[in-house]
Protein backbone atom coordinates (compact mmCIF):
# COMPACT_ATOMS: atom_id res chain seq x y z
CA MET A 1 24.27 9.85 0.95
CA LYS A 2 27.40 9.87 2.54
CA LYS A 3 28.55 6.71 4.21
CA VAL A 4 29.01 8.28 7.35
CA ASP A 5 25.58 10.28 7.66
CA TRP A 6 23.89 7.51 7.15
CA LEU A 7 25.84 5.16 9.35
CA ASP A 8 25.18 8.34 12.26
CA LEU A 9 21.47 7.49 11.81
CA LEU A 10 21.73 3.98 11.35
CA VAL A 11 22.98 3.46 14.71
CA HIS A 12 19.79 4.45 16.35
CA PHE A 13 17.91 1.91 14.20
CA HIS A 14 16.84 -1.50 16.32
CA GLU A 15 14.97 -4.69 14.56
CA GLU A 16 11.41 -5.32 15.17
CA LYS A 17 9.32 -8.64 14.17
CA TRP A 18 5.76 -8.86 13.80
CA LYS A 19 3.79 -11.86 13.19
CA LYS A 20 1.23 -12.32 10.59
CA ASN A 21 -2.29 -11.11 11.20
CA THR A 22 -1.09 -8.79 14.28
CA CYS A 23 -3.19 -5.48 14.27
CA ILE A 24 -1.56 -2.22 15.37
CA ILE A 25 -4.38 0.30 16.91
CA ASN A 26 -1.71 2.04 19.28
CA HIS A 27 -1.64 4.97 17.14
CA GLN A 28 0.87 7.11 19.85
CA LYS A 29 3.19 4.36 18.76
CA PHE A 30 3.46 5.84 15.29
CA LEU A 31 3.27 9.25 16.94
CA PHE A 32 7.13 8.29 18.59
CA HIS A 33 8.82 5.89 16.14
CA PHE A 34 9.29 5.91 12.76
CA TYR A 35 9.75 2.61 10.39
CA ILE A 36 10.97 0.74 7.35
CA ILE A 37 9.72 -2.32 6.27
CA THR A 38 12.79 -5.08 5.24
CA SER A 39 10.48 -8.14 4.73
CA GLY A 40 6.72 -8.72 4.45
CA ARG A 41 3.35 -6.04 3.92
CA ILE A 42 1.41 -4.21 5.54
CA LYS A 43 -1.90 -2.57 5.36
CA MET A 44 -2.68 0.82 6.36
CA TYR A 45 -6.41 1.45 6.76
CA ASN A 46 -9.46 3.16 8.06
CA VAL A 47 -12.64 2.09 9.65
CA ASP A 48 -15.81 3.60 9.55
CA GLU A 49 -17.19 3.77 13.29
CA SER A 50 -20.73 3.76 12.33
CA SER A 51 -20.66 1.15 9.49
CA HIS A 52 -17.52 -0.42 10.39
CA LYS A 53 -16.79 -0.51 6.57
CA GLU A 54 -12.95 -0.92 6.22
CA HIS A 55 -10.72 1.34 3.51
CA THR A 56 -7.44 0.43 2.83
CA LEU A 57 -5.31 3.63 2.38
CA PHE A 58 -1.76 1.61 1.58
CA LEU A 59 -0.49 -1.73 0.88
CA LEU A 60 2.97 -0.91 2.46
CA LYS A 61 6.25 -3.38 1.18
CA ASN A 62 9.73 -4.05 1.30
CA GLY A 63 11.39 -0.25 1.28
CA ASP A 64 8.12 1.24 2.44
CA VAL A 65 8.01 4.04 5.24
CA PHE A 66 5.55 4.59 8.12
CA ASP A 67 4.20 6.81 9.68
CA LEU A 68 5.45 9.52 7.48
CA PHE A 69 2.50 12.02 8.28
CA CYS A 70 3.47 11.62 11.80
CA LEU A 71 6.91 12.79 10.97
CA VAL A 72 5.99 15.73 9.30
CA ASP A 73 3.61 17.14 11.49
CA GLY A 74 4.34 15.49 14.60
CA ILE A 75 0.63 15.13 14.98
CA SER A 76 -1.09 11.34 15.61
CA HIS A 77 -3.64 10.56 13.34
CA LYS A 78 -6.42 7.77 13.81
CA VAL A 79 -5.39 5.22 11.59
CA TYR A 80 -4.87 1.11 11.75
CA TYR A 81 -2.03 -1.26 10.29
CA GLU A 82 -2.13 -5.10 10.16
CA CYS A 83 0.74 -7.64 9.22
CA LEU A 84 -0.58 -9.26 6.19
CA ASP A 85 2.71 -11.17 6.51
CA ASN A 86 5.61 -12.24 8.89
CA ILE A 87 7.19 -8.74 9.03
CA LYS A 88 10.45 -6.99 10.05
CA VAL A 89 11.02 -3.36 10.21
CA LEU A 90 13.78 -0.85 11.55
CA ALA A 91 12.55 1.23 14.18
CA VAL A 92 13.73 4.64 15.08
CA SER A 93 12.58 7.43 17.55
CA MET A 94 11.18 10.16 15.60
CA ASP A 95 13.54 12.10 17.83
CA HIS A 96 16.48 10.86 16.80
CA LEU A 97 15.33 11.02 13.14
CA ARG A 98 14.09 14.71 13.42
CA ASP A 99 17.56 15.63 15.28
CA TRP A 100 19.37 13.50 12.17
CA LEU A 101 17.48 15.42 9.52
CA ASN A 102 18.12 19.54 11.32
CA LYS A 103 21.89 18.24 11.47
CA ASN A 104 21.59 17.05 7.80
CA PRO A 105 18.75 19.33 5.93
CA VAL A 106 20.05 18.10 2.85
CA TYR A 107 18.26 15.20 2.87
CA TYR A 108 15.00 16.63 3.51
CA LYS A 109 14.83 16.20 -0.28
CA TYR A 110 14.41 12.44 -0.26
CA PHE A 111 11.90 12.59 2.50
CA LEU A 112 10.21 15.26 0.44
CA SER A 113 9.81 13.24 -3.10
CA TYR A 114 8.69 10.06 -1.17
CA THR A 115 5.99 12.45 0.41
CA GLY A 116 5.24 13.55 -3.03
CA LYS A 117 4.99 9.83 -4.12
CA ILE A 118 2.25 9.19 -1.34
CA MET A 119 -0.08 12.28 -1.92
CA ARG A 120 0.01 11.31 -5.92
CA THR A 121 -0.99 7.77 -4.38
CA LEU A 122 -3.75 9.37 -2.37
CA GLU A 123 -5.13 12.03 -5.27
CA GLU A 124 -5.48 8.94 -7.46
CA ASN A 125 -7.31 6.77 -5.00
CA VAL A 126 -9.86 9.55 -4.13
CA SER A 127 -10.51 10.25 -7.89
CA GLN A 128 -11.26 6.63 -8.52
CA LEU A 129 -13.44 6.33 -5.79
CA ILE A 130 -15.39 9.39 -7.12
CA PHE A 131 -15.17 9.17 -10.92
CA THR A 132 -14.55 5.45 -11.74
CA ASN A 133 -17.15 2.52 -11.40
CA ILE A 134 -15.58 -0.86 -9.29
CA SER A 135 -14.79 -2.81 -12.82
CA THR A 136 -12.46 -0.27 -13.93
CA ARG A 137 -10.87 0.32 -10.56
CA LEU A 138 -10.24 -3.33 -10.22
CA LEU A 139 -8.57 -3.85 -13.60
CA LYS A 140 -6.50 -0.64 -12.95
CA LEU A 141 -5.51 -2.23 -9.52
CA LEU A 142 -4.40 -5.77 -11.66
CA ILE A 143 -2.54 -3.95 -14.20
CA GLY A 144 -0.78 -1.63 -11.93
CA ASN A 145 0.72 -4.44 -10.15
CA ILE A 146 1.71 -6.69 -12.79
CA ASP A 147 5.67 -7.10 -13.22
CA LYS A 148 7.52 -6.22 -15.95
CA LYS A 149 9.69 -8.71 -16.06
CA SER A 150 7.58 -11.76 -15.30
CA ASN A 151 4.26 -10.36 -16.61
CA GLN A 152 2.54 -11.74 -13.03
CA LEU A 153 1.19 -10.11 -10.55
CA GLU A 154 3.41 -9.17 -7.67
CA VAL A 155 2.32 -7.64 -3.87
CA ILE A 156 -1.64 -8.41 -4.39
CA ASN A 157 -1.32 -11.69 -6.14
CA ASP A 158 -2.36 -14.03 -3.08
CA LEU A 159 -4.94 -11.61 -1.39
CA PRO A 160 -8.40 -13.02 -0.69
CA ASN A 161 -11.09 -11.03 -2.42
CA LYS A 162 -12.09 -8.98 0.77
CA GLU A 163 -8.46 -7.14 1.23
CA LEU A 164 -8.60 -6.53 -2.81
CA ALA A 165 -12.01 -5.02 -2.11
CA HIS A 166 -11.14 -2.98 0.46
CA LEU A 167 -8.11 -1.60 -1.54
CA ILE A 168 -10.73 -0.10 -4.26
CA GLY A 169 -13.84 1.03 -2.08
CA SER A 170 -15.83 -2.54 -2.66
CA THR A 171 -17.15 -5.54 -1.16
CA ARG A 172 -15.89 -9.01 -1.80
CA ALA A 173 -18.84 -10.57 -3.54
CA VAL A 174 -18.77 -7.89 -5.97
CA VAL A 175 -15.06 -8.40 -6.34
CA ASN A 176 -15.27 -12.02 -6.87
CA ARG A 177 -17.78 -11.33 -9.59
CA HIS A 178 -15.91 -9.04 -11.70
CA LEU A 179 -12.76 -11.28 -10.93
CA GLN A 180 -14.81 -14.13 -12.69
CA GLU A 181 -16.06 -12.40 -15.81
CA LEU A 182 -12.30 -11.90 -16.13
CA LYS A 183 -11.70 -15.33 -15.89
CA LYS A 184 -14.11 -16.13 -18.82
CA ASN A 185 -12.67 -14.13 -21.05
CA GLY A 186 -9.30 -15.19 -20.71
CA SER A 187 -7.45 -12.95 -19.20
CA ILE A 188 -6.49 -14.16 -15.65
CA ALA A 189 -6.67 -17.11 -13.96
CA ILE A 190 -7.37 -18.25 -10.36
CA HIS A 191 -6.09 -20.78 -7.90
CA ARG A 192 -7.08 -21.00 -4.60
CA ASN A 193 -6.57 -17.24 -3.98
CA GLN A 194 -3.84 -16.97 -6.13
CA VAL A 195 -4.55 -15.01 -9.20
CA GLU A 196 -2.75 -15.65 -12.58
CA ILE A 197 -2.32 -13.30 -15.53
CA LYS A 198 -3.22 -15.22 -18.63
CA ASP A 199 -2.87 -12.30 -21.05
CA ILE A 200 -2.12 -8.85 -20.57
CA SER A 201 -3.43 -7.58 -23.41
CA LEU A 202 -6.77 -8.74 -22.86
CA LEU A 203 -6.86 -6.94 -19.38
CA ILE A 204 -6.07 -3.45 -21.10
CA LYS A 205 -8.39 -4.00 -23.89
CA GLU A 206 -11.03 -3.93 -21.25
CA LEU A 207 -9.39 -1.26 -19.53
CA ASP A 208 -9.65 1.08 -22.93
CA LYS A 209 -13.18 -0.64 -22.84
CA HIS A 210 -14.09 1.19 -20.08
CA TYR A 211 -12.81 4.61 -20.38
CA LYS A 212 -14.25 4.85 -24.32
CA ASN A 213 -17.60 4.27 -22.33
CA ARG A 214 -17.48 6.79 -20.28
CA LYS A 215 -17.16 9.27 -22.97
């Protein structure tokens, strides 16, 4: 990306700070503004109106953007956002961003690449909800969030069981039971909502066992 092109867009951004536990339910807000997270985590989720059951669609972190769907089609969709930490974002109006992209169409490929990543994540999540059991989903969630350098969990390491359950389509009680089983076999340790990875190989073996049992 050429510096001059980036600076032409950057002048239209401003910083916003949102406090932890802030819930944003104003769908129009994301129809007219585009955000880049610079600090903290935000969950993008939906709630069934009849059962009030909640499911987290995405756990957004530093470097992630939203609302990409509104940018692409210009249509508001009914999702909710909640700040899991104190949040800092860079915000720009959708009109300014679309105008900049129209003047610099070569950069559309970056947004298309990011859109593809999002769509693949959604595809994987839907497939897991349909084809895999809770234990398998939890194992994949844990393994998928292990930092390769530290061999420890990142992003989800301090989330309460309720939030982990929302990520895999389960309940807090069920997630707690499966975590306790992993604790007993020595693959993880739990300290005040902090999950520590003790033996990655045991987690991987457990996941392989689940896949073999499906055949």
